[in-house]
C-alpha atoms as a PDB file:
ATOM      1  CA  UNK A   1     197.258 113.273 167.451  1.00  0.00           C
ATOM      2  CA  UNK A   2     197.995 112.262 163.899  1.00  0.00           C
ATOM      3  CA  UNK A   3     197.995 114.448 160.805  1.00  0.00           C
ATOM      4  CA  UNK A   4     194.995 113.849 158.594  1.00  0.00           C
ATOM      5  CA  UNK A   5     192.397 115.346 156.288  1.00  0.00           C
ATOM      6  CA  UNK A   6     188.630 115.494 156.670  1.00  0.00           C
ATOM      7  CA  UNK A   7     188.429 112.555 154.277  1.00  0.00           C
ATOM      8  CA  UNK A   8     190.826 110.537 156.475  1.00  0.00           C
ATOM      9  CA  UNK A   9     188.676 111.346 159.501  1.00  0.00           C
ATOM     10  CA  UNK A  10     185.503 110.300 157.668  1.00  0.00           C
ATOM     11  CA  UNK A  11     187.092 107.018 156.548  1.00  0.00           C
ATOM     12  CA  UNK A  12     188.277 106.223 160.062  1.00  0.00           C
ATOM     13  CA  UNK A  13     184.896 107.181 161.503  1.00  0.00           C
ATOM     14  CA  UNK A  14     183.100 104.892 159.042  1.00  0.00           C
ATOM     15  CA  UNK A  15     185.485 102.011 159.787  1.00  0.00           C
ATOM     16  CA  UNK A  16     184.794 102.333 163.509  1.00  0.00           C
ATOM     17  CA  UNK A  17     181.027 102.503 162.983  1.00  0.00           C
ATOM     18  CA  UNK A  18     179.102 102.623 166.249  1.00  0.00           C
ATOM     19  CA  UNK A  19     182.030 101.500 168.396  1.00  0.00           C
ATOM     20  CA  UNK A  20     182.716 103.955 171.172  1.00  0.00           C
ATOM     21  CA  UNK A  21     186.463 103.258 171.417  1.00  0.00           C
ATOM     22  CA  UNK A  22     188.621 104.880 170.294  1.00  0.00           C
ATOM     23  CA  UNK A  23     186.920 108.263 170.483  1.00  0.00           C
ATOM     24  CA  UNK A  24     187.720 110.564 167.577  1.00  0.00           C
ATOM     25  CA  UNK A  25     188.073 114.296 167.146  1.00  0.00           C
ATOM     26  CA  UNK A  26     188.873 116.249 163.998  1.00  0.00           C
ATOM     27  CA  UNK A  27     190.469 119.673 163.806  1.00  0.00           C
ATOM     28  CA  UNK A  28     191.593 120.924 160.401  1.00  0.00           C
ATOM     29  CA  UNK A  29     194.676 118.850 159.558  1.00  0.00           C
ATOM     30  CA  UNK A  30     194.536 116.806 162.784  1.00  0.00           C
ATOM     31  CA  UNK A  31     192.844 113.592 163.916  1.00  0.00           C
ATOM     32  CA  UNK A  32     192.814 112.862 167.630  1.00  0.00           C
ATOM     33  CA  UNK A  33     192.197 109.384 169.042  1.00  0.00           C
ATOM     34  CA  UNK A  34     191.463 108.606 172.681  1.00  0.00           C
ATOM     35  CA  UNK A  35     190.662 105.482 174.650  1.00  0.00           C
ATOM     36  CA  UNK A  36     188.808 106.541 177.808  1.00  0.00           C
ATOM     37  CA  UNK A  37     189.802 105.041 181.152  1.00  0.00           C
ATOM     38  CA  UNK A  38     187.237 103.767 183.700  1.00  0.00           C
ATOM     39  CA  UNK A  39     187.783 106.967 185.715  1.00  0.00           C
ATOM     40  CA  UNK A  40     186.709 108.943 182.645  1.00  0.00           C
ATOM     41  CA  UNK A  41     183.427 107.065 182.277  1.00  0.00           C
ATOM     42  CA  UNK A  42     182.676 107.212 185.983  1.00  0.00           C
ATOM     43  CA  UNK A  43     183.198 110.981 186.118  1.00  0.00           C
ATOM     44  CA  UNK A  44     181.154 111.562 182.954  1.00  0.00           C
ATOM     45  CA  UNK A  45     178.272 109.509 184.343  1.00  0.00           C
ATOM     46  CA  UNK A  46     178.405 111.242 187.716  1.00  0.00           C
ATOM     47  CA  UNK A  47     178.399 114.771 186.272  1.00  0.00           C
ATOM     48  CA  UNK A  48     175.609 113.817 183.836  1.00  0.00           C
ATOM     49  CA  UNK A  49     173.586 112.139 186.609  1.00  0.00           C
ATOM     50  CA  UNK A  50     173.993 115.289 188.700  1.00  0.00           C
ATOM     51  CA  UNK A  51     172.577 117.399 185.864  1.00  0.00           C
ATOM     52  CA  UNK A  52     169.705 114.942 185.336  1.00  0.00           C
ATOM     53  CA  UNK A  53     168.857 114.970 189.049  1.00  0.00           C
ATOM     54  CA  UNK A  54     168.768 118.777 189.059  1.00  0.00           C
ATOM     55  CA  UNK A  55     166.710 118.976 185.855  1.00  0.00           C
ATOM     56  CA  UNK A  56     164.266 116.365 187.183  1.00  0.00           C
ATOM     57  CA  UNK A  57     163.986 118.140 190.528  1.00  0.00           C
ATOM     58  CA  UNK A  58     163.239 121.430 188.760  1.00  0.00           C
ATOM     59  CA  UNK A  59     160.663 119.696 186.543  1.00  0.00           C
ATOM     60  CA  UNK A  60     162.460 120.753 183.349  1.00  0.00           C
ATOM     61  CA  UNK A  61     162.061 118.724 180.199  1.00  0.00           C
ATOM     62  CA  UNK A  62     165.263 117.769 178.408  1.00  0.00           C
ATOM     63  CA  UNK A  63     166.890 115.224 176.165  1.00  0.00           C
ATOM     64  CA  UNK A  64     170.376 113.815 176.764  1.00  0.00           C
ATOM     65  CA  UNK A  65     172.783 111.922 174.529  1.00  0.00           C
ATOM     66  CA  UNK A  66     175.904 109.820 174.886  1.00  0.00           C
ATOM     67  CA  UNK A  67     177.747 108.798 172.822  1.00  0.00           C
ATOM     68  CA  UNK A  68     177.127 111.231 169.992  1.00  0.00           C
ATOM     69  CA  UNK A  69     179.314 112.460 167.150  1.00  0.00           C
ATOM     70  CA  UNK A  70     179.001 116.060 166.031  1.00  0.00           C
ATOM     71  CA  UNK A  71     180.284 116.727 162.501  1.00  0.00           C
ATOM     72  CA  UNK A  72     180.512 119.799 160.302  1.00  0.00           C
ATOM     73  CA  UNK A  73     182.200 118.797 157.024  1.00  0.00           C
ATOM     74  CA  UNK A  74     185.757 120.078 156.586  1.00  0.00           C
ATOM     75  CA  UNK A  75     185.516 122.044 159.856  1.00  0.00           C
ATOM     76  CA  UNK A  76     185.005 119.808 162.857  1.00  0.00           C
ATOM     77  CA  UNK A  77     184.242 116.375 164.160  1.00  0.00           C
ATOM     78  CA  UNK A  78     183.947 115.875 167.902  1.00  0.00           C
ATOM     79  CA  UNK A  79     182.453 113.414 170.372  1.00  0.00           C
ATOM     80  CA  UNK A  80     181.361 115.078 173.616  1.00  0.00           C
ATOM     81  CA  UNK A  81     181.182 112.865 176.675  1.00  0.00           C
ATOM     82  CA  UNK A  82     177.580 113.876 177.269  1.00  0.00           C
ATOM     83  CA  UNK A  83     175.260 116.495 175.866  1.00  0.00           C
ATOM     84  CA  UNK A  84     171.939 117.938 176.936  1.00  0.00           C
ATOM     85  CA  UNK A  85     169.165 119.654 175.057  1.00  0.00           C
ATOM     86  CA  UNK A  86     167.360 121.784 177.636  1.00  0.00           C
ATOM     87  CA  UNK A  87     165.933 124.819 175.814  1.00  0.00           C
ATOM     88  CA  UNK A  88     165.938 123.048 172.444  1.00  0.00           C
ATOM     89  CA  UNK A  89     164.819 119.536 173.423  1.00  0.00           C
ATOM     90  CA  UNK A  90     161.776 119.703 171.144  1.00  0.00           C
ATOM     91  CA  UNK A  91     163.998 120.328 168.096  1.00  0.00           C
ATOM     92  CA  UNK A  92     165.678 116.925 168.473  1.00  0.00           C
ATOM     93  CA  UNK A  93     163.095 114.856 170.306  1.00  0.00           C
ATOM     94  CA  UNK A  94     162.488 111.599 168.468  1.00  0.00           C
ATOM     95  CA  UNK A  95     165.176 112.179 165.848  1.00  0.00           C
ATOM     96  CA  UNK A  96     167.392 109.248 164.946  1.00  0.00           C
ATOM     97  CA  UNK A  97     170.015 111.547 163.391  1.00  0.00           C
ATOM     98  CA  UNK A  98     170.901 115.172 163.995  1.00  0.00           C
ATOM     99  CA  UNK A  99     171.945 117.366 161.073  1.00  0.00           C
ATOM    100  CA  UNK A 100     174.533 119.668 162.630  1.00  0.00           C
ATOM    101  CA  UNK A 101     174.256 122.106 159.714  1.00  0.00           C
ATOM    102  CA  UNK A 102     170.534 122.634 160.379  1.00  0.00           C
ATOM    103  CA  UNK A 103     169.517 121.409 163.829  1.00  0.00           C
ATOM    104  CA  UNK A 104     170.486 123.317 166.962  1.00  0.00           C
ATOM    105  CA  UNK A 105     173.577 122.338 168.886  1.00  0.00           C
ATOM    106  CA  UNK A 106     173.172 120.879 172.360  1.00  0.00           C
ATOM    107  CA  UNK A 107     172.495 123.489 175.013  1.00  0.00           C
ATOM    108  CA  UNK A 108     175.031 121.965 177.381  1.00  0.00           C
ATOM    109  CA  UNK A 109     178.025 119.724 176.707  1.00  0.00           C
ATOM    110  CA  UNK A 110     180.065 117.826 179.285  1.00  0.00           C
ATOM    111  CA  UNK A 111     183.718 117.054 178.633  1.00  0.00           C
ATOM    112  CA  UNK A 112     185.864 114.970 180.972  1.00  0.00           C
ATOM    113  CA  UNK A 113     189.541 115.691 180.432  1.00  0.00           C
ATOM    114  CA  UNK A 114     192.095 113.451 182.112  1.00  0.00           C
ATOM    115  CA  UNK A 115     194.786 113.850 179.435  1.00  0.00           C
ATOM    116  CA  UNK A 116     194.626 117.426 178.025  1.00  0.00           C
ATOM    117  CA  UNK A 117     192.615 116.188 175.057  1.00  0.00           C
ATOM    118  CA  UNK A 118     189.869 118.807 175.328  1.00  0.00           C
ATOM    119  CA  UNK A 119     189.721 122.354 174.053  1.00  0.00           C
ATOM    120  CA  UNK A 120     186.362 124.052 174.704  1.00  0.00           C
ATOM    121  CA  UNK A 121     186.941 126.163 171.608  1.00  0.00           C
ATOM    122  CA  UNK A 122     186.257 123.052 169.518  1.00  0.00           C
ATOM    123  CA  UNK A 123     182.577 123.744 170.277  1.00  0.00           C
ATOM    124  CA  UNK A 124     182.608 127.311 168.921  1.00  0.00           C
ATOM    125  CA  UNK A 125     181.753 126.196 165.363  1.00  0.00           C
ATOM    126  CA  UNK A 126     178.578 124.571 166.758  1.00  0.00           C
ATOM    127  CA  UNK A 127     177.614 127.543 168.963  1.00  0.00           C
ATOM    128  CA  UNK A 128     177.104 125.349 172.020  1.00  0.00           C
ATOM    129  CA  UNK A 129     175.849 127.807 174.676  1.00  0.00           C
ATOM    130  CA  UNK A 130     177.557 126.119 177.624  1.00  0.00           C
ATOM    131  CA  UNK A 131     180.424 123.640 178.038  1.00  0.00           C
ATOM    132  CA  UNK A 132     181.258 122.036 181.385  1.00  0.00           C
ATOM    133  CA  UNK A 133     184.849 120.841 181.490  1.00  0.00           C
ATOM    134  CA  UNK A 134     185.878 118.406 184.217  1.00  0.00           C
ATOM    135  CA  UNK A 135     189.628 118.602 184.700  1.00  0.00           C
ATOM    136  CA  UNK A 136     191.902 118.222 187.722  1.00  0.00           C
ATOM    137  CA  UNK A 137     189.000 116.952 189.851  1.00  0.00           C
ATOM    138  CA  UNK A 138     186.759 119.968 189.323  1.00  0.00           C
ATOM    139  CA  UNK A 139     184.244 121.355 186.853  1.00  0.00           C
ATOM    140  CA  UNK A 140     184.697 124.674 185.075  1.00  0.00           C
ATOM    141  CA  UNK A 141     181.684 126.241 183.366  1.00  0.00           C
ATOM    142  CA  UNK A 142     182.315 127.961 180.033  1.00  0.00           C
ATOM    143  CA  UNK A 143     179.511 130.120 178.665  1.00  0.00           C
ATOM    144  CA  UNK A 144     179.367 131.310 175.074  1.00  0.00           C
ATOM    145  CA  UNK A 145     179.480 135.107 174.877  1.00  0.00           C
ATOM    146  CA  UNK A 146     180.170 137.068 171.703  1.00  0.00           C
ATOM    147  CA  UNK A 147     181.779 134.178 169.815  1.00  0.00           C
ATOM    148  CA  UNK A 148     184.069 133.047 172.627  1.00  0.00           C
ATOM    149  CA  UNK A 149     183.849 131.005 175.809  1.00  0.00           C
ATOM    150  CA  UNK A 150     184.088 132.832 179.109  1.00  0.00           C
ATOM    151  CA  UNK A 151     184.591 131.080 182.463  1.00  0.00           C
ATOM    152  CA  UNK A 152     181.529 131.583 184.645  1.00  0.00           C
ATOM    153  CA  UNK A 153     180.718 130.497 188.191  1.00  0.00           C
ATOM    154  CA  UNK A 154     177.085 129.718 187.446  1.00  0.00           C
ATOM    155  CA  UNK A 155     175.162 127.934 184.752  1.00  0.00           C
ATOM    156  CA  UNK A 156     172.625 129.771 182.644  1.00  0.00           C
ATOM    157  CA  UNK A 157     170.399 126.694 183.038  1.00  0.00           C
ATOM    158  CA  UNK A 158     170.578 126.623 186.856  1.00  0.00           C
ATOM    159  CA  UNK A 159     171.177 130.250 187.887  1.00  0.00           C
ATOM    160  CA  UNK A 160     169.604 129.746 191.321  1.00  0.00           C
ATOM    161  CA  UNK A 161     171.951 126.897 192.258  1.00  0.00           C
ATOM    162  CA  UNK A 162     175.617 126.648 193.103  1.00  0.00           C
ATOM    163  CA  UNK A 163     176.078 123.730 190.712  1.00  0.00           C
ATOM    164  CA  UNK A 164     179.846 123.765 191.084  1.00  0.00           C
ATOM    165  CA  UNK A 165     179.503 123.095 194.813  1.00  0.00           C
ATOM    166  CA  UNK A 166     176.803 120.462 194.232  1.00  0.00           C
ATOM    167  CA  UNK A 167     179.080 118.635 191.794  1.00  0.00           C
ATOM    168  CA  UNK A 168     182.070 118.954 194.131  1.00  0.00           C
ATOM    169  CA  UNK A 169     179.965 117.425 196.919  1.00  0.00           C
ATOM    170  CA  UNK A 170     178.879 114.571 194.639  1.00  0.00           C
ATOM    171  CA  UNK A 171     182.462 113.893 193.582  1.00  0.00           C
ATOM    172  CA  UNK A 172     183.564 113.727 197.229  1.00  0.00           C
ATOM    173  CA  UNK A 173     180.787 111.292 198.204  1.00  0.00           C
ATOM    174  CA  UNK A 174     181.453 109.176 195.102  1.00  0.00           C
ATOM    175  CA  UNK A 175     185.151 109.042 195.967  1.00  0.00           C
ATOM    176  CA  UNK A 176     184.512 108.185 199.618  1.00  0.00           C
ATOM    177  CA  UNK A 177     181.650 105.762 198.992  1.00  0.00           C
ATOM    178  CA  UNK A 178     180.061 105.378 195.535  1.00  0.00           C
ATOM    179  CA  UNK A 179     178.133 107.212 192.810  1.00  0.00           C
ATOM    180  CA  UNK A 180     174.684 105.954 193.828  1.00  0.00           C
ATOM    181  CA  UNK A 181     175.094 107.425 197.333  1.00  0.00           C
ATOM    182  CA  UNK A 182     176.325 110.687 195.797  1.00  0.00           C
ATOM    183  CA  UNK A 183     173.151 111.063 193.732  1.00  0.00           C
ATOM    184  CA  UNK A 184     170.904 110.057 196.658  1.00  0.00           C
ATOM    185  CA  UNK A 185     172.501 112.699 198.855  1.00  0.00           C
ATOM    186  CA  UNK A 186     172.198 115.258 196.049  1.00  0.00           C
ATOM    187  CA  UNK A 187     168.458 114.581 195.775  1.00  0.00           C
ATOM    188  CA  UNK A 188     168.092 115.031 199.542  1.00  0.00           C
ATOM    189  CA  UNK A 189     170.009 118.310 199.413  1.00  0.00           C
ATOM    190  CA  UNK A 190     167.863 119.569 196.509  1.00  0.00           C
ATOM    191  CA  UNK A 191     164.729 118.825 198.538  1.00  0.00           C
ATOM    192  CA  UNK A 192     166.151 120.902 201.385  1.00  0.00           C
ATOM    193  CA  UNK A 193     167.267 123.937 199.380  1.00  0.00           C
ATOM    194  CA  UNK A 194     164.525 124.180 196.755  1.00  0.00           C
END
């Protein structure tokens, strides 16, 4: 973390352009820089692929983005590891840019935290309904309720599924074998339980 203003953050963001490293985050008076490790990318992809497999199995339409930078001038700048538009996919479908002051926030954000970089409260200013935080080899679901995030054992988007167990199973298979086998086994399990 380095001290900095919104203008400093904007300048740094413009200098980096579309490069994905380092990742940037702005909190009032602070600029955070992070260079993700391979483990970070692997976990982000696996959790996102798990969500995609579930959404596809349920026949739900969605849009997903990575990388993406969310900015509200003078208030926040953040780069979630992955984000999904599930209820609001039509609001952003086909857009080349999202205006965070007007367009809806993602319905679901994934954050992979290997270094205590993430604070789910950074998403409060965007009113993201659900944030999934992967930390210490497990996912915690935070649901927005009355202007704060509350830990919840189920996702509002998959209330009929134990997504935490499905993700834990995928992580185990990916660790023991690989991510492609984890997703194949997930699809088989979804066929059995749904």
